[in-house]
Structures are given as C-alpha cells and as structure tokens.
Amino acid sequence: MSKLRWFPEHADQLKRLRLAVGVEITTLAKKHSLSSAQVRQLEESGESTFYSPEIKYIVGRKLIRSLGEEITELDFEKTLTSSAFEEAQPQINVSDLQHTAVENNWRLSNVQKYKLIRLFGLLFALLMVWYGQFEIPSSKQLSVLNSTGIDAKGPYQRTQQSEVHTSQVDYTFRDQPNDLYVTQPLECDWNSPSVDLTPSSRFRPDHYTYLIAAQPTVFCWKDATLVNRKISLELNESIRLEGEPPFHIYSADISDIKIYYLGNLIRAPNPGVRHIYLAKE
C-alpha cells in the first residue's frame, strides 16, 4: 500500500504557511499553474481535481516546500490505526516517556549529521567547479543548444520533486528560475512509425498531457504547431505540457514514463514502442 497520502495534518501545515505569508488561494494556485479548487481541496478535503491520491500528495508537498518548509512526514499505517481507535486512551508510564525522549534525541542528531554531510558535499562541488574539474559549456555550445529549440520557456509548468529548500522567516514570492534541460543522447525521430493510443473515454480537457517519470528519463514532445522539445525528468518528477493536439511523444524508454491524456493512463502495447500519437478527440 502506497504511503503517499495527504492527511489533515498536511492540510493544516499548508494553510498555516499560506496565511503566514499572506497569500491568497488564487495567487498561490496561479503561481504553480493549479486551479483554485485544487488548492482548496489540499487545505480542506476532496480528491476530485487530482488524478490520484499520490499526485495530490506530490502537488501538496511541492506547495509546502515553496512556502519554506518540508512536509510533515507521517506513518501511513500508524495514522490509520490512530484514526480508527482515537477513543482508546492507553496508559503511559514514565519509563516509556524517557525512552521516547532518548530515541527522539538520537534521531535529531542523525538529521543534523545528514545536513552537515549535504553541506560539505555542496562545498566540495563548488570547489571542483572552481578548479575547472567540470566542463562549463562555452557560448558557442550554448548557441547550438538554443538552435535545436530546447528553450527554457514554454506553455507548461514543471514540478521539481528533489529540489533543496531553505526555511526563511520573512518569505516573499520570487520568480522561479527557468528550467534547465540536460542534453542526453536521444534523437527525436519523428519519422519513425507511431502508435495511436488516443483513449476512447474523456475525463479531462484535451489541451495538455501530464507525465510522471517512473525512472530518470529523457523524452521528446511536440504538438500540432510543431513545437518540438526535449525534456529530462528525474525519478518521480512530473510535468504538465500544454499545447494544441494532436500530440507526439518519443522516447527510447517510453515504458518508464506514466502518460496521462484526457484523464486516462496511456500504456504502450509492447516494450518496443518508442513513438506515441495522441489525437484530438
């Protein structure tokens, strides 16, 4: 059973952070390309505006991180058990409390160690860059990348699952940095045979596709206006791509991508499929 579930504790945390920075629901929704109904369901209840409870959790975690905190981690099974037997009042003795306090202190020290390790790793990476160990692309290389149409602007929003956030006392909204696309060995072979996987049922509008990476992957995407993009996603990272249907999606590992269109999960009929065609309904 998946542990990616959005609990009332998460809803209270999101609402508290939003009110603390004085941001309206509509403003927060627009900032992250969400609907106001989705933000309200994150702060109150309901899942009708999300594909699944897992996606609701991922979107809510993104909003909490954008407001300067990490999401409160909850034990899914313990939370269900406590909800079912909330009237039970177990007897707690002093020795149990002392043992819990010692255990919590041990965990806190491990968290601090983890933060120090990440800090040293960041400093080491900066030193490596300083001494020229990493290749920095020249202006000529950047111009070649731009000529391929891999730009940092487009009619979609990108959801970053593994970004590092720093808590701030006085938080203000800032423009998010442009997406950076990692050039990897993948050619967008649009002349290859495509498979029409347009779903017969419609539960969502047809002007966008929603993709989630089950593994780190790179894929190509284009719409009817022939806007061609090459995009890199990390594990569990998701992206919503808007445009004018029909849509084409090409990847050497297309089975590693969960593709949603018209509210349906699109599945490749066999592992050899690389080019998917999604028509306008």
Protein backbone atom coordinates (compact mmCIF):
# COMPACT_ATOMS: atom_id res chain seq x y z
CA MET A 1 0.00 0.00 0.00
CA SER A 2 1.38 3.38 -1.01
CA LYS A 3 2.34 5.78 1.81
CA LEU A 4 1.92 8.87 -0.37
CA ARG A 5 -1.28 10.10 1.22
CA TRP A 6 -2.40 13.65 2.04
CA PHE A 7 -3.55 13.81 5.65
CA PRO A 8 -5.35 16.57 7.61
CA GLU A 9 -2.01 17.36 9.29
CA HIS A 10 -0.59 18.20 5.85
CA ALA A 11 -3.62 20.37 5.04
CA ASP A 12 -3.20 22.31 8.30
CA GLN A 13 0.51 22.78 7.60
CA LEU A 14 -0.14 24.17 4.08
CA LYS A 15 -2.89 26.53 5.27
CA ARG A 16 -0.74 27.77 8.18
CA LEU A 17 2.18 28.57 5.87
CA ARG A 18 -0.02 30.28 3.29
CA LEU A 19 -1.67 32.51 5.87
CA ALA A 20 1.70 33.29 7.46
CA VAL A 21 3.00 34.83 4.21
CA GLY A 22 -0.35 36.48 3.43
CA VAL A 23 -1.00 34.79 0.09
CA GLU A 24 -4.48 34.22 -1.32
CA ILE A 25 -5.55 30.80 -2.61
CA THR A 26 -5.98 32.13 -6.15
CA THR A 27 -2.50 33.70 -6.12
CA LEU A 28 -0.86 30.50 -4.85
CA ALA A 29 -2.74 28.42 -7.43
CA LYS A 30 -1.75 30.70 -10.31
CA LYS A 31 1.90 30.71 -9.18
CA HIS A 32 2.08 26.90 -9.55
CA SER A 33 -0.29 26.51 -12.55
CA LEU A 34 -3.01 24.92 -10.41
CA SER A 35 -6.70 25.63 -10.10
CA SER A 36 -8.14 27.33 -7.04
CA ALA A 37 -10.27 24.21 -6.49
CA GLN A 38 -7.12 22.07 -6.24
CA VAL A 39 -5.58 24.32 -3.59
CA ARG A 40 -8.87 24.36 -1.64
CA GLN A 41 -9.01 20.56 -1.71
CA LEU A 42 -5.43 20.46 -0.43
CA GLU A 43 -6.36 22.72 2.51
CA GLU A 44 -9.77 21.17 3.19
CA SER A 45 -10.78 17.82 1.69
CA GLY A 46 -11.62 16.03 -1.54
CA GLU A 47 -9.63 14.48 -4.39
CA SER A 48 -11.87 15.02 -7.44
CA THR A 49 -9.48 17.53 -9.05
CA PHE A 50 -6.47 15.15 -8.91
CA TYR A 51 -5.67 12.03 -10.90
CA SER A 52 -4.88 10.01 -7.76
CA PRO A 53 -4.14 10.44 -4.03
CA GLU A 54 -0.43 10.03 -4.82
CA ILE A 55 -0.48 13.01 -7.22
CA LYS A 56 -2.39 15.07 -4.63
CA TYR A 57 0.37 14.33 -2.10
CA ILE A 58 3.13 15.25 -4.61
CA VAL A 59 1.45 18.57 -5.51
CA GLY A 60 0.81 19.42 -1.85
CA ARG A 61 4.41 18.64 -0.93
CA LYS A 62 5.58 20.98 -3.70
CA LEU A 63 3.45 23.86 -2.32
CA ILE A 64 4.67 23.32 1.25
CA ARG A 65 8.28 23.32 0.06
CA SER A 66 7.69 26.52 -1.96
CA LEU A 67 6.50 28.18 1.26
CA GLY A 68 9.76 27.38 3.05
CA GLU A 69 9.19 24.12 4.93
CA GLU A 70 9.47 20.38 4.39
CA ILE A 71 6.26 18.37 4.55
CA THR A 72 5.48 16.73 7.88
CA GLU A 73 6.29 13.04 7.49
CA LEU A 74 3.59 10.74 8.85
CA ASP A 75 3.49 6.96 9.26
CA PHE A 76 0.61 5.92 6.98
CA GLU A 77 -0.28 2.71 8.89
CA LYS A 78 0.03 4.34 12.33
CA THR A 79 -2.14 7.27 11.19
CA LEU A 80 -4.91 4.89 10.05
CA THR A 81 -4.67 2.93 13.31
CA SER A 82 -4.86 6.07 15.46
CA SER A 83 -7.90 7.31 13.48
CA ALA A 84 -9.74 4.02 13.93
CA PHE A 85 -9.09 3.85 17.68
CA GLU A 86 -8.90 7.51 18.64
CA GLU A 87 -11.23 6.93 21.62
CA ALA A 88 -8.79 4.48 23.21
CA GLN A 89 -6.64 6.10 25.89
CA PRO A 90 -3.56 3.89 26.50
CA GLN A 91 -1.83 4.22 29.83
CA ILE A 92 1.63 5.78 29.52
CA ASN A 93 4.26 5.34 32.19
CA VAL A 94 7.31 7.47 32.92
CA SER A 95 9.81 4.90 31.61
CA ASP A 96 8.12 4.89 28.17
CA LEU A 97 8.33 8.69 28.00
CA GLN A 98 12.01 8.65 28.93
CA HIS A 99 12.74 6.00 26.29
CA THR A 100 10.88 8.04 23.64
CA ALA A 101 12.79 11.20 24.57
CA VAL A 102 16.14 9.43 24.21
CA GLU A 103 15.10 7.96 20.85
CA ASN A 104 13.95 11.36 19.56
CA ASN A 105 17.26 12.96 20.58
CA TRP A 106 19.16 10.24 18.70
CA ARG A 107 17.08 10.83 15.57
CA LEU A 108 17.62 14.57 15.78
CA SER A 109 21.36 14.12 15.90
CA ASN A 110 21.20 11.95 12.77
CA VAL A 111 19.24 14.66 10.95
CA GLN A 112 21.89 17.20 11.88
CA LYS A 113 24.62 14.86 10.64
CA TYR A 114 22.77 14.44 7.34
CA LYS A 115 22.54 18.23 6.89
CA LEU A 116 26.26 18.60 7.59
CA ILE A 117 27.09 15.91 5.05
CA ARG A 118 24.99 17.67 2.41
CA LEU A 119 26.67 20.99 3.25
CA PHE A 120 30.15 19.51 2.85
CA GLY A 121 29.09 17.87 -0.40
CA LEU A 122 27.89 21.21 -1.75
CA LEU A 123 31.15 22.91 -0.74
CA PHE A 124 33.14 20.15 -2.41
CA ALA A 125 31.14 20.53 -5.65
CA LEU A 126 31.75 24.28 -5.63
CA LEU A 127 35.48 23.71 -5.17
CA MET A 128 35.52 21.26 -8.08
CA VAL A 129 33.81 23.81 -10.30
CA TRP A 130 36.24 26.49 -9.13
CA TYR A 131 39.25 24.41 -10.13
CA GLY A 132 37.76 23.59 -13.52
CA GLN A 133 37.06 19.90 -12.96
CA PHE A 134 33.62 20.17 -14.51
CA GLU A 135 33.19 21.21 -18.12
CA ILE A 136 31.40 24.54 -18.44
CA PRO A 137 29.68 24.92 -21.85
CA SER A 138 31.05 27.72 -24.00
CA SER A 139 28.91 30.40 -25.63
CA LYS A 140 29.25 28.52 -28.92
CA GLN A 141 27.87 25.33 -27.36
CA LEU A 142 25.00 27.24 -25.81
CA SER A 143 24.09 28.73 -29.19
CA VAL A 144 23.96 25.20 -30.66
CA LEU A 145 21.59 24.10 -27.90
CA ASN A 146 19.34 27.11 -28.48
CA SER A 147 19.20 26.40 -32.22
CA THR A 148 17.69 22.94 -31.55
CA GLY A 149 14.61 24.52 -30.00
CA ILE A 150 15.36 23.35 -26.45
CA ASP A 151 14.38 26.58 -24.74
CA ALA A 152 13.56 27.34 -21.13
CA LYS A 153 10.19 28.92 -21.88
CA GLY A 154 7.02 27.18 -22.98
CA PRO A 155 3.30 26.76 -22.25
CA TYR A 156 3.79 24.29 -19.42
CA GLN A 157 4.87 24.12 -15.82
CA ARG A 158 7.47 21.78 -14.42
CA THR A 159 7.20 20.09 -10.99
CA GLN A 160 10.57 19.57 -9.31
CA GLN A 161 10.47 16.79 -6.68
CA SER A 162 14.09 16.81 -5.48
CA GLU A 163 14.94 20.47 -5.10
CA VAL A 164 16.59 21.80 -1.91
CA HIS A 165 14.65 24.40 0.08
CA THR A 166 15.85 26.76 2.84
CA SER A 167 13.46 27.96 5.53
CA GLN A 168 13.06 31.77 5.72
CA VAL A 169 11.47 33.91 8.43
CA ASP A 170 10.23 36.64 6.07
CA TYR A 171 9.29 34.71 2.93
CA THR A 172 8.40 36.52 -0.27
CA PHE A 173 7.47 35.07 -3.64
CA ARG A 174 10.18 35.20 -6.27
CA ASP A 175 10.12 34.18 -9.92
CA GLN A 176 11.21 30.59 -10.26
CA PRO A 177 14.40 30.07 -12.32
CA ASN A 178 13.99 28.90 -15.89
CA ASP A 179 14.04 25.13 -16.46
CA LEU A 180 17.42 23.68 -17.35
CA TYR A 181 17.39 20.84 -19.86
CA VAL A 182 20.15 18.27 -19.72
CA THR A 183 21.37 17.25 -23.16
CA GLN A 184 21.47 13.47 -23.30
CA PRO A 185 21.95 11.01 -26.16
CA LEU A 186 18.40 10.96 -27.59
CA GLU A 187 17.37 11.90 -31.09
CA CYS A 188 13.76 12.95 -31.76
CA ASP A 189 13.00 10.56 -34.62
CA TRP A 190 9.56 11.84 -35.64
CA ASN A 191 9.76 9.90 -38.93
CA SER A 192 9.63 6.59 -37.07
CA PRO A 193 6.28 4.70 -37.07
CA SER A 194 3.91 5.94 -34.38
CA VAL A 195 1.22 4.11 -32.42
CA ASP A 196 -2.14 5.86 -31.94
CA LEU A 197 -3.05 5.41 -28.26
CA THR A 198 -5.79 8.06 -28.06
CA PRO A 199 -8.19 6.96 -25.28
CA SER A 200 -11.86 6.48 -26.10
CA SER A 201 -13.13 7.98 -22.84
CA ARG A 202 -12.65 11.60 -21.80
CA PHE A 203 -12.39 12.81 -18.20
CA ARG A 204 -10.12 15.85 -18.71
CA PRO A 205 -9.58 18.58 -21.36
CA ASP A 206 -7.57 17.70 -24.47
CA HIS A 207 -5.18 20.69 -24.49
CA TYR A 208 -2.49 19.13 -22.30
CA THR A 209 -0.66 15.93 -21.38
CA TYR A 210 0.58 15.02 -17.89
CA LEU A 211 3.71 12.87 -17.48
CA ILE A 212 5.42 11.28 -14.45
CA ALA A 213 8.87 9.68 -14.62
CA ALA A 214 8.94 6.18 -13.10
CA GLN A 215 12.71 6.23 -13.76
CA PRO A 216 15.15 9.03 -14.69
CA THR A 217 14.43 9.55 -18.38
CA VAL A 218 14.66 11.86 -21.39
CA PHE A 219 11.87 12.21 -23.97
CA CYS A 220 10.75 14.38 -26.90
CA TRP A 221 7.35 16.07 -27.16
CA LYS A 222 5.61 18.15 -29.82
CA ASP A 223 2.11 19.38 -30.62
CA ALA A 224 0.16 20.38 -33.74
CA THR A 225 2.09 23.66 -34.01
CA LEU A 226 5.30 21.57 -34.41
CA VAL A 227 6.81 22.98 -31.21
CA ASN A 228 9.49 20.39 -30.51
CA ARG A 229 11.03 19.98 -27.05
CA LYS A 230 13.48 17.58 -25.44
CA ILE A 231 12.90 17.22 -21.71
CA SER A 232 14.76 15.44 -18.89
CA LEU A 233 12.94 14.20 -15.76
CA GLU A 234 14.30 12.73 -12.54
CA LEU A 235 12.68 9.88 -10.60
CA ASN A 236 9.04 10.71 -9.64
CA GLU A 237 9.34 14.14 -11.24
CA SER A 238 6.21 15.21 -13.14
CA ILE A 239 5.41 17.76 -15.82
CA ARG A 240 2.29 19.17 -17.48
CA LEU A 241 2.72 20.02 -21.16
CA GLU A 242 0.11 22.25 -22.77
CA GLY A 243 -0.40 22.87 -26.47
CA GLU A 244 -2.63 22.17 -29.42
CA PRO A 245 -3.42 18.49 -30.11
CA PRO A 246 -2.57 16.11 -31.64
CA PHE A 247 0.50 15.36 -29.51
CA HIS A 248 3.56 13.24 -30.30
CA ILE A 249 5.78 11.69 -27.60
CA TYR A 250 9.04 9.91 -28.42
CA SER A 251 11.39 8.11 -26.03
CA ALA A 252 13.73 5.14 -26.15
CA ASP A 253 12.35 4.13 -22.73
CA ILE A 254 8.72 5.17 -23.06
CA SER A 255 7.65 2.42 -20.65
CA ASP A 256 9.47 4.38 -17.88
CA ILE A 257 7.01 7.29 -18.27
CA LYS A 258 3.44 7.41 -16.95
CA ILE A 259 1.48 9.37 -19.55
CA TYR A 260 -1.99 10.79 -18.80
CA TYR A 261 -4.25 12.19 -21.51
CA LEU A 262 -7.96 13.06 -21.30
CA GLY A 263 -7.84 11.75 -17.74
CA ASN A 264 -6.63 8.29 -18.83
CA LEU A 265 -3.35 6.48 -18.15
CA ILE A 266 -1.76 5.68 -21.52
CA ARG A 267 0.06 2.33 -21.69
CA ALA A 268 2.33 1.18 -24.54
CA PRO A 269 1.14 -2.15 -26.03
CA ASN A 270 4.67 -3.61 -26.07
CA PRO A 271 8.19 -2.67 -24.88
CA GLY A 272 9.36 -1.87 -28.42
CA VAL A 273 7.12 1.18 -28.82
CA ARG A 274 9.02 4.48 -28.94
CA HIS A 275 6.69 6.90 -30.74
CA ILE A 276 3.16 7.58 -29.37
CA TYR A 277 0.47 9.60 -31.13
CA LEU A 278 -2.38 11.19 -29.13
CA ALA A 279 -5.10 12.62 -31.37
CA LYS A 280 -7.58 15.39 -30.68
CA GLU A 281 -10.92 13.96 -29.60
